[in-house]
Amino acid sequence: MKRLWLLLWRVSRNDLRMLWFFLKHPARPCWLIPAAAGLGLYVVSPLNFATPFVGVLDDLILVPLALHWMLRLLPQHLLQDYARAVSGA
């Protein structure tokens, strides 16, 4: 189980950094904060505790996919800002 969580962290690490950058960005879309909050609430939803196996599976599969999809919906100019910030230019 520990290996699975480490794999999830490696895959999602860049997406989480991007999300943090865009949440602080002044030109972020108005839907980003509610979408991130909704995704965070989904992660800690009581359904995960009622059905542990299904709850872990959805956290390992659906949450990273939803996060990645959310970031792909961002405007191109914001993605370019992130690329400039990461490259240090």
PDB file of N, CA and C in Angstrom:
ATOM      1  N   MET A   1       0.819  -1.190   0.000  1.00  0.00           N
ATOM      2  CA  MET A   1       0.000   0.000   0.000  1.00  0.00           C
ATOM      3  C   MET A   1       0.869   1.263   0.000  1.00  0.00           C
ATOM      4  N   LYS A   2       1.987   1.186   0.739  1.00  0.00           N
ATOM      5  CA  LYS A   2       2.876   2.344   0.818  1.00  0.00           C
ATOM      6  C   LYS A   2       3.458   2.673  -0.552  1.00  0.00           C
ATOM      7  N   ARG A   3       3.784   1.646  -1.336  1.00  0.00           N
ATOM      8  CA  ARG A   3       4.308   1.874  -2.678  1.00  0.00           C
ATOM      9  C   ARG A   3       3.287   2.565  -3.568  1.00  0.00           C
ATOM     10  N   LEU A   4       2.024   2.184  -3.404  1.00  0.00           N
ATOM     11  CA  LEU A   4       0.969   2.791  -4.205  1.00  0.00           C
ATOM     12  C   LEU A   4       0.826   4.272  -3.895  1.00  0.00           C
ATOM     13  N   TRP A   5       0.899   4.632  -2.622  1.00  0.00           N
ATOM     14  CA  TRP A   5       0.817   6.044  -2.244  1.00  0.00           C
ATOM     15  C   TRP A   5       2.022   6.828  -2.751  1.00  0.00           C
ATOM     16  N   LEU A   6       3.206   6.213  -2.730  1.00  0.00           N
ATOM     17  CA  LEU A   6       4.392   6.889  -3.251  1.00  0.00           C
ATOM     18  C   LEU A   6       4.287   7.099  -4.752  1.00  0.00           C
ATOM     19  N   LEU A   7       3.741   6.118  -5.460  1.00  0.00           N
ATOM     20  CA  LEU A   7       3.532   6.265  -6.889  1.00  0.00           C
ATOM     21  C   LEU A   7       2.537   7.387  -7.175  1.00  0.00           C
ATOM     22  N   LEU A   8       1.464   7.427  -6.416  1.00  0.00           N
ATOM     23  CA  LEU A   8       0.475   8.495  -6.573  1.00  0.00           C
ATOM     24  C   LEU A   8       1.113   9.858  -6.334  1.00  0.00           C
ATOM     25  N   TRP A   9       1.938   9.968  -5.305  1.00  0.00           N
ATOM     26  CA  TRP A   9       2.578  11.243  -4.998  1.00  0.00           C
ATOM     27  C   TRP A   9       3.500  11.683  -6.132  1.00  0.00           C
ATOM     28  N   ARG A  10       4.268  10.741  -6.682  1.00  0.00           N
ATOM     29  CA  ARG A  10       5.165  11.095  -7.781  1.00  0.00           C
ATOM     30  C   ARG A  10       4.401  11.569  -9.000  1.00  0.00           C
ATOM     31  N   VAL A  11       3.290  10.942  -9.292  1.00  0.00           N
ATOM     32  CA  VAL A  11       2.500  11.315 -10.462  1.00  0.00           C
ATOM     33  C   VAL A  11       1.813  12.661 -10.248  1.00  0.00           C
ATOM     34  N   SER A  12       1.287  12.878  -9.059  1.00  0.00           N
ATOM     35  CA  SER A  12       0.483  14.079  -8.794  1.00  0.00           C
ATOM     36  C   SER A  12       1.293  15.274  -8.303  1.00  0.00           C
ATOM     37  N   ARG A  13       2.549  15.093  -7.999  1.00  0.00           N
ATOM     38  CA  ARG A  13       3.358  16.153  -7.397  1.00  0.00           C
ATOM     39  C   ARG A  13       3.388  17.409  -8.259  1.00  0.00           C
ATOM     40  N   ASN A  14       3.622  17.267  -9.558  1.00  0.00           N
ATOM     41  CA  ASN A  14       3.687  18.430 -10.430  1.00  0.00           C
ATOM     42  C   ASN A  14       2.321  19.101 -10.547  1.00  0.00           C
ATOM     43  N   ASP A  15       1.260  18.304 -10.641  1.00  0.00           N
ATOM     44  CA  ASP A  15      -0.080  18.882 -10.724  1.00  0.00           C
ATOM     45  C   ASP A  15      -0.429  19.658  -9.463  1.00  0.00           C
ATOM     46  N   LEU A  16      -0.012  19.174  -8.309  1.00  0.00           N
ATOM     47  CA  LEU A  16      -0.283  19.896  -7.062  1.00  0.00           C
ATOM     48  C   LEU A  16       0.506  21.204  -7.001  1.00  0.00           C
ATOM     49  N   ARG A  17       1.741  21.181  -7.477  1.00  0.00           N
ATOM     50  CA  ARG A  17       2.523  22.423  -7.531  1.00  0.00           C
ATOM     51  C   ARG A  17       1.865  23.433  -8.461  1.00  0.00           C
ATOM     52  N   MET A  18       1.401  22.946  -9.613  1.00  0.00           N
ATOM     53  CA  MET A  18       0.737  23.830 -10.565  1.00  0.00           C
ATOM     54  C   MET A  18      -0.532  24.412  -9.950  1.00  0.00           C
ATOM     55  N   LEU A  19      -1.312  23.580  -9.281  1.00  0.00           N
ATOM     56  CA  LEU A  19      -2.546  24.062  -8.662  1.00  0.00           C
ATOM     57  C   LEU A  19      -2.237  25.143  -7.634  1.00  0.00           C
ATOM     58  N   TRP A  20      -1.225  24.934  -6.820  1.00  0.00           N
ATOM     59  CA  TRP A  20      -0.853  25.925  -5.806  1.00  0.00           C
ATOM     60  C   TRP A  20      -0.447  27.248  -6.470  1.00  0.00           C
ATOM     61  N   PHE A  21       0.322  27.162  -7.540  1.00  0.00           N
ATOM     62  CA  PHE A  21       0.736  28.364  -8.268  1.00  0.00           C
ATOM     63  C   PHE A  21      -0.488  29.103  -8.809  1.00  0.00           C
ATOM     64  N   PHE A  22      -1.405  28.378  -9.417  1.00  0.00           N
ATOM     65  CA  PHE A  22      -2.566  29.022 -10.033  1.00  0.00           C
ATOM     66  C   PHE A  22      -3.558  29.540  -9.004  1.00  0.00           C
ATOM     67  N   LEU A  23      -3.637  28.913  -7.845  1.00  0.00           N
ATOM     68  CA  LEU A  23      -4.529  29.434  -6.805  1.00  0.00           C
ATOM     69  C   LEU A  23      -4.034  30.786  -6.288  1.00  0.00           C
ATOM     70  N   LYS A  24      -2.719  31.008  -6.329  1.00  0.00           N
ATOM     71  CA  LYS A  24      -2.161  32.284  -5.881  1.00  0.00           C
ATOM     72  C   LYS A  24      -2.084  33.309  -7.011  1.00  0.00           C
ATOM     73  N   HIS A  25      -2.269  32.891  -8.248  1.00  0.00           N
ATOM     74  CA  HIS A  25      -2.107  33.777  -9.401  1.00  0.00           C
ATOM     75  C   HIS A  25      -3.268  34.775  -9.454  1.00  0.00           C
ATOM     76  N   PRO A  26      -2.983  36.061  -9.665  1.00  0.00           N
ATOM     77  CA  PRO A  26      -4.057  37.064  -9.675  1.00  0.00           C
ATOM     78  C   PRO A  26      -5.007  36.939 -10.866  1.00  0.00           C
ATOM     79  N   ALA A  27      -4.586  36.316 -11.945  1.00  0.00           N
ATOM     80  CA  ALA A  27      -5.442  36.204 -13.134  1.00  0.00           C
ATOM     81  C   ALA A  27      -6.094  34.830 -13.240  1.00  0.00           C
ATOM     82  N   ARG A  28      -6.208  34.121 -12.122  1.00  0.00           N
ATOM     83  CA  ARG A  28      -6.798  32.784 -12.173  1.00  0.00           C
ATOM     84  C   ARG A  28      -8.276  32.876 -12.570  1.00  0.00           C
ATOM     85  N   PRO A  29      -8.811  31.825 -13.212  1.00  0.00           N
ATOM     86  CA  PRO A  29     -10.228  31.828 -13.547  1.00  0.00           C
ATOM     87  C   PRO A  29     -11.086  31.764 -12.279  1.00  0.00           C
ATOM     88  N   CYS A  30     -12.277  32.296 -12.354  1.00  0.00           N
ATOM     89  CA  CYS A  30     -13.136  32.350 -11.167  1.00  0.00           C
ATOM     90  C   CYS A  30     -13.599  30.962 -10.716  1.00  0.00           C
ATOM     91  N   TRP A  31     -13.564  29.974 -11.576  1.00  0.00           N
ATOM     92  CA  TRP A  31     -14.030  28.633 -11.225  1.00  0.00           C
ATOM     93  C   TRP A  31     -12.965  27.792 -10.530  1.00  0.00           C
ATOM     94  N   LEU A  32     -11.730  28.245 -10.503  1.00  0.00           N
ATOM     95  CA  LEU A  32     -10.645  27.407 -10.000  1.00  0.00           C
ATOM     96  C   LEU A  32     -10.736  27.159  -8.492  1.00  0.00           C
ATOM     97  N   ILE A  33     -11.011  28.174  -7.718  1.00  0.00           N
ATOM     98  CA  ILE A  33     -11.069  27.995  -6.254  1.00  0.00           C
ATOM     99  C   ILE A  33     -12.219  27.072  -5.854  1.00  0.00           C
ATOM    100  N   PRO A  34     -13.451  27.280  -6.373  1.00  0.00           N
ATOM    101  CA  PRO A  34     -14.521  26.338  -6.009  1.00  0.00           C
ATOM    102  C   PRO A  34     -14.253  24.906  -6.493  1.00  0.00           C
ATOM    103  N   ALA A  35     -13.633  24.768  -7.669  1.00  0.00           N
ATOM    104  CA  ALA A  35     -13.331  23.424  -8.169  1.00  0.00           C
ATOM    105  C   ALA A  35     -12.290  22.743  -7.299  1.00  0.00           C
ATOM    106  N   ALA A  36     -11.263  23.476  -6.879  1.00  0.00           N
ATOM    107  CA  ALA A  36     -10.232  22.907  -6.005  1.00  0.00           C
ATOM    108  C   ALA A  36     -10.828  22.566  -4.641  1.00  0.00           C
ATOM    109  N   ALA A  37     -11.697  23.425  -4.130  1.00  0.00           N
ATOM    110  CA  ALA A  37     -12.341  23.150  -2.841  1.00  0.00           C
ATOM    111  C   ALA A  37     -13.240  21.920  -2.944  1.00  0.00           C
ATOM    112  N   GLY A  38     -13.971  21.801  -4.035  1.00  0.00           N
ATOM    113  CA  GLY A  38     -14.824  20.630  -4.238  1.00  0.00           C
ATOM    114  C   GLY A  38     -14.017  19.351  -4.327  1.00  0.00           C
ATOM    115  N   LEU A  39     -12.893  19.412  -5.007  1.00  0.00           N
ATOM    116  CA  LEU A  39     -12.031  18.241  -5.102  1.00  0.00           C
ATOM    117  C   LEU A  39     -11.448  17.882  -3.731  1.00  0.00           C
ATOM    118  N   GLY A  40     -11.081  18.897  -2.968  1.00  0.00           N
ATOM    119  CA  GLY A  40     -10.575  18.645  -1.617  1.00  0.00           C
ATOM    120  C   GLY A  40     -11.640  18.033  -0.717  1.00  0.00           C
ATOM    121  N   LEU A  41     -12.876  18.511  -0.827  1.00  0.00           N
ATOM    122  CA  LEU A  41     -13.965  17.927  -0.035  1.00  0.00           C
ATOM    123  C   LEU A  41     -14.251  16.496  -0.460  1.00  0.00           C
ATOM    124  N   TYR A  42     -14.118  16.225  -1.751  1.00  0.00           N
ATOM    125  CA  TYR A  42     -14.327  14.859  -2.231  1.00  0.00           C
ATOM    126  C   TYR A  42     -13.285  13.904  -1.646  1.00  0.00           C
ATOM    127  N   VAL A  43     -12.057  14.392  -1.510  1.00  0.00           N
ATOM    128  CA  VAL A  43     -10.992  13.551  -0.965  1.00  0.00           C
ATOM    129  C   VAL A  43     -11.291  13.154   0.477  1.00  0.00           C
ATOM    130  N   VAL A  44     -11.843  14.062   1.265  1.00  0.00           N
ATOM    131  CA  VAL A  44     -12.104  13.768   2.679  1.00  0.00           C
ATOM    132  C   VAL A  44     -13.563  13.398   2.941  1.00  0.00           C
ATOM    133  N   SER A  45     -14.292  13.034   1.899  1.00  0.00           N
ATOM    134  CA  SER A  45     -15.715  12.720   2.063  1.00  0.00           C
ATOM    135  C   SER A  45     -15.906  11.492   2.952  1.00  0.00           C
ATOM    136  N   PRO A  46     -17.025  11.438   3.650  1.00  0.00           N
ATOM    137  CA  PRO A  46     -17.297  10.297   4.540  1.00  0.00           C
ATOM    138  C   PRO A  46     -17.430   8.970   3.796  1.00  0.00           C
ATOM    139  N   LEU A  47     -17.714   8.996   2.511  1.00  0.00           N
ATOM    140  CA  LEU A  47     -17.824   7.761   1.743  1.00  0.00           C
ATOM    141  C   LEU A  47     -16.515   6.979   1.789  1.00  0.00           C
ATOM    142  N   ASN A  48     -15.404   7.684   1.866  1.00  0.00           N
ATOM    143  CA  ASN A  48     -14.115   7.013   1.941  1.00  0.00           C
ATOM    144  C   ASN A  48     -13.977   6.194   3.227  1.00  0.00           C
ATOM    145  N   PHE A  49     -14.602   6.634   4.279  1.00  0.00           N
ATOM    146  CA  PHE A  49     -14.502   5.918   5.540  1.00  0.00           C
ATOM    147  C   PHE A  49     -15.529   4.792   5.629  1.00  0.00           C
ATOM    148  N   ALA A  50     -16.662   4.951   4.942  1.00  0.00           N
ATOM    149  CA  ALA A  50     -17.699   3.916   4.974  1.00  0.00           C
ATOM    150  C   ALA A  50     -17.277   2.693   4.157  1.00  0.00           C
ATOM    151  N   THR A  51     -16.638   2.917   3.041  1.00  0.00           N
ATOM    152  CA  THR A  51     -16.182   1.818   2.190  1.00  0.00           C
ATOM    153  C   THR A  51     -14.695   2.013   1.923  1.00  0.00           C
ATOM    154  N   PRO A  52     -13.865   1.519   2.807  1.00  0.00           N
ATOM    155  CA  PRO A  52     -12.425   1.820   2.725  1.00  0.00           C
ATOM    156  C   PRO A  52     -11.775   1.426   1.402  1.00  0.00           C
ATOM    157  N   PHE A  53     -12.078   0.242   0.871  1.00  0.00           N
ATOM    158  CA  PHE A  53     -11.408  -0.203  -0.351  1.00  0.00           C
ATOM    159  C   PHE A  53     -11.798   0.668  -1.535  1.00  0.00           C
ATOM    160  N   VAL A  54     -13.095   0.937  -1.686  1.00  0.00           N
ATOM    161  CA  VAL A  54     -13.565   1.784  -2.784  1.00  0.00           C
ATOM    162  C   VAL A  54     -13.085   3.211  -2.577  1.00  0.00           C
ATOM    163  N   GLY A  55     -13.043   3.659  -1.347  1.00  0.00           N
ATOM    164  CA  GLY A  55     -12.582   5.011  -1.056  1.00  0.00           C
ATOM    165  C   GLY A  55     -11.127   5.220  -1.432  1.00  0.00           C
ATOM    166  N   VAL A  56     -10.308   4.226  -1.173  1.00  0.00           N
ATOM    167  CA  VAL A  56      -8.891   4.325  -1.535  1.00  0.00           C
ATOM    168  C   VAL A  56      -8.742   4.289  -3.051  1.00  0.00           C
ATOM    169  N   LEU A  57      -9.500   3.437  -3.716  1.00  0.00           N
ATOM    170  CA  LEU A  57      -9.416   3.355  -5.173  1.00  0.00           C
ATOM    171  C   LEU A  57      -9.810   4.664  -5.840  1.00  0.00           C
ATOM    172  N   ASP A  58     -10.872   5.278  -5.364  1.00  0.00           N
ATOM    173  CA  ASP A  58     -11.257   6.541  -6.009  1.00  0.00           C
ATOM    174  C   ASP A  58     -10.255   7.641  -5.720  1.00  0.00           C
ATOM    175  N   ASP A  59      -9.636   7.617  -4.536  1.00  0.00           N
ATOM    176  CA  ASP A  59      -8.600   8.606  -4.249  1.00  0.00           C
ATOM    177  C   ASP A  59      -7.373   8.397  -5.124  1.00  0.00           C
ATOM    178  N   LEU A  60      -7.066   7.164  -5.434  1.00  0.00           N
ATOM    179  CA  LEU A  60      -5.878   6.868  -6.231  1.00  0.00           C
ATOM    180  C   LEU A  60      -6.095   7.062  -7.725  1.00  0.00           C
ATOM    181  N   ILE A  61      -7.336   6.986  -8.170  1.00  0.00           N
ATOM    182  CA  ILE A  61      -7.599   7.067  -9.607  1.00  0.00           C
ATOM    183  C   ILE A  61      -8.338   8.338  -9.984  1.00  0.00           C
ATOM    184  N   LEU A  62      -9.486   8.574  -9.382  1.00  0.00           N
ATOM    185  CA  LEU A  62     -10.334   9.688  -9.797  1.00  0.00           C
ATOM    186  C   LEU A  62      -9.776  11.057  -9.427  1.00  0.00           C
ATOM    187  N   VAL A  63      -9.233  11.184  -8.239  1.00  0.00           N
ATOM    188  CA  VAL A  63      -8.756  12.493  -7.791  1.00  0.00           C
ATOM    189  C   VAL A  63      -7.578  13.000  -8.638  1.00  0.00           C
ATOM    190  N   PRO A  64      -6.541  12.190  -8.884  1.00  0.00           N
ATOM    191  CA  PRO A  64      -5.461  12.686  -9.750  1.00  0.00           C
ATOM    192  C   PRO A  64      -5.937  12.988 -11.176  1.00  0.00           C
ATOM    193  N   LEU A  65      -6.849  12.157 -11.704  1.00  0.00           N
ATOM    194  CA  LEU A  65      -7.381  12.429 -13.043  1.00  0.00           C
ATOM    195  C   LEU A  65      -8.181  13.725 -13.072  1.00  0.00           C
ATOM    196  N   ALA A  66      -9.004  13.945 -12.064  1.00  0.00           N
ATOM    197  CA  ALA A  66      -9.792  15.170 -12.004  1.00  0.00           C
ATOM    198  C   ALA A  66      -8.892  16.393 -11.847  1.00  0.00           C
ATOM    199  N   LEU A  67      -7.862  16.276 -11.046  1.00  0.00           N
ATOM    200  CA  LEU A  67      -6.923  17.386 -10.864  1.00  0.00           C
ATOM    201  C   LEU A  67      -6.216  17.710 -12.175  1.00  0.00           C
ATOM    202  N   HIS A  68      -5.754  16.696 -12.874  1.00  0.00           N
ATOM    203  CA  HIS A  68      -5.070  16.911 -14.141  1.00  0.00           C
ATOM    204  C   HIS A  68      -6.013  17.523 -15.176  1.00  0.00           C
ATOM    205  N   TRP A  69      -7.232  17.054 -15.226  1.00  0.00           N
ATOM    206  CA  TRP A  69      -8.233  17.594 -16.159  1.00  0.00           C
ATOM    207  C   TRP A  69      -8.540  19.055 -15.839  1.00  0.00           C
ATOM    208  N   MET A  70      -8.658  19.363 -14.561  1.00  0.00           N
ATOM    209  CA  MET A  70      -8.915  20.735 -14.136  1.00  0.00           C
ATOM    210  C   MET A  70      -7.802  21.664 -14.608  1.00  0.00           C
ATOM    211  N   LEU A  71      -6.570  21.234 -14.485  1.00  0.00           N
ATOM    212  CA  LEU A  71      -5.441  22.068 -14.887  1.00  0.00           C
ATOM    213  C   LEU A  71      -5.353  22.211 -16.406  1.00  0.00           C
ATOM    214  N   ARG A  72      -5.815  21.218 -17.145  1.00  0.00           N
ATOM    215  CA  ARG A  72      -5.803  21.317 -18.605  1.00  0.00           C
ATOM    216  C   ARG A  72      -6.850  22.312 -19.116  1.00  0.00           C
ATOM    217  N   LEU A  73      -7.831  22.640 -18.296  1.00  0.00           N
ATOM    218  CA  LEU A  73      -8.853  23.601 -18.686  1.00  0.00           C
ATOM    219  C   LEU A  73      -8.404  25.051 -18.519  1.00  0.00           C
ATOM    220  N   LEU A  74      -7.268  25.256 -17.904  1.00  0.00           N
ATOM    221  CA  LEU A  74      -6.783  26.616 -17.662  1.00  0.00           C
ATOM    222  C   LEU A  74      -6.372  27.279 -18.975  1.00  0.00           C
ATOM    223  N   PRO A  75      -6.509  28.601 -19.056  1.00  0.00           N
ATOM    224  CA  PRO A  75      -6.109  29.324 -20.263  1.00  0.00           C
ATOM    225  C   PRO A  75      -4.613  29.186 -20.552  1.00  0.00           C
ATOM    226  N   GLN A  76      -4.279  29.267 -21.812  1.00  0.00           N
ATOM    227  CA  GLN A  76      -2.903  29.077 -22.261  1.00  0.00           C
ATOM    228  C   GLN A  76      -1.944  30.101 -21.663  1.00  0.00           C
ATOM    229  N   HIS A  77      -2.385  31.354 -21.529  1.00  0.00           N
ATOM    230  CA  HIS A  77      -1.475  32.377 -20.996  1.00  0.00           C
ATOM    231  C   HIS A  77      -1.094  32.091 -19.544  1.00  0.00           C
ATOM    232  N   LEU A  78      -1.969  31.454 -18.776  1.00  0.00           N
ATOM    233  CA  LEU A  78      -1.609  31.089 -17.402  1.00  0.00           C
ATOM    234  C   LEU A  78      -0.585  29.951 -17.394  1.00  0.00           C
ATOM    235  N   LEU A  79      -0.768  29.003 -18.296  1.00  0.00           N
ATOM    236  CA  LEU A  79       0.198  27.907 -18.386  1.00  0.00           C
ATOM    237  C   LEU A  79       1.573  28.431 -18.797  1.00  0.00           C
ATOM    238  N   GLN A  80       1.594  29.437 -19.650  1.00  0.00           N
ATOM    239  CA  GLN A  80       2.864  30.042 -20.035  1.00  0.00           C
ATOM    240  C   GLN A  80       3.499  30.774 -18.856  1.00  0.00           C
ATOM    241  N   ASP A  81       2.679  31.436 -18.039  1.00  0.00           N
ATOM    242  CA  ASP A  81       3.197  32.076 -16.820  1.00  0.00           C
ATOM    243  C   ASP A  81       3.841  31.046 -15.898  1.00  0.00           C
ATOM    244  N   TYR A  82       3.187  29.890 -15.767  1.00  0.00           N
ATOM    245  CA  TYR A  82       3.751  28.833 -14.923  1.00  0.00           C
ATOM    246  C   TYR A  82       5.077  28.325 -15.483  1.00  0.00           C
ATOM    247  N   ALA A  83       5.130  28.146 -16.796  1.00  0.00           N
ATOM    248  CA  ALA A  83       6.368  27.663 -17.424  1.00  0.00           C
ATOM    249  C   ALA A  83       7.496  28.671 -17.218  1.00  0.00           C
ATOM    250  N   ARG A  84       7.190  29.974 -17.316  1.00  0.00           N
ATOM    251  CA  ARG A  84       8.219  30.998 -17.083  1.00  0.00           C
ATOM    252  C   ARG A  84       8.663  30.996 -15.622  1.00  0.00           C
ATOM    253  N   ALA A  85       7.722  30.819 -14.711  1.00  0.00           N
ATOM    254  CA  ALA A  85       8.067  30.816 -13.286  1.00  0.00           C
ATOM    255  C   ALA A  85       8.923  29.607 -12.918  1.00  0.00           C
ATOM    256  N   VAL A  86       8.637  28.481 -13.518  1.00  0.00           N
ATOM    257  CA  VAL A  86       9.406  27.271 -13.224  1.00  0.00           C
ATOM    258  C   VAL A  86      10.810  27.360 -13.825  1.00  0.00           C
ATOM    259  N   SER A  87      10.889  27.924 -15.025  1.00  0.00           N
ATOM    260  CA  SER A  87      12.205  28.017 -15.676  1.00  0.00           C
ATOM    261  C   SER A  87      13.078  29.116 -15.067  1.00  0.00           C
ATOM    262  N   GLY A  88      12.461  29.992 -14.282  1.00  0.00           N
ATOM    263  CA  GLY A  88      13.222  31.043 -13.613  1.00  0.00           C
ATOM    264  C   GLY A  88      13.423  32.268 -14.451  1.00  0.00           C
ATOM    265  N   ALA A  89      12.751  32.352 -15.591  1.00  0.00           N
ATOM    266  CA  ALA A  89      12.924  33.523 -16.484  1.00  0.00           C
ATOM    267  C   ALA A  89      12.050  34.671 -16.057  1.00  0.00           C
TER     268      ALA A  89
END
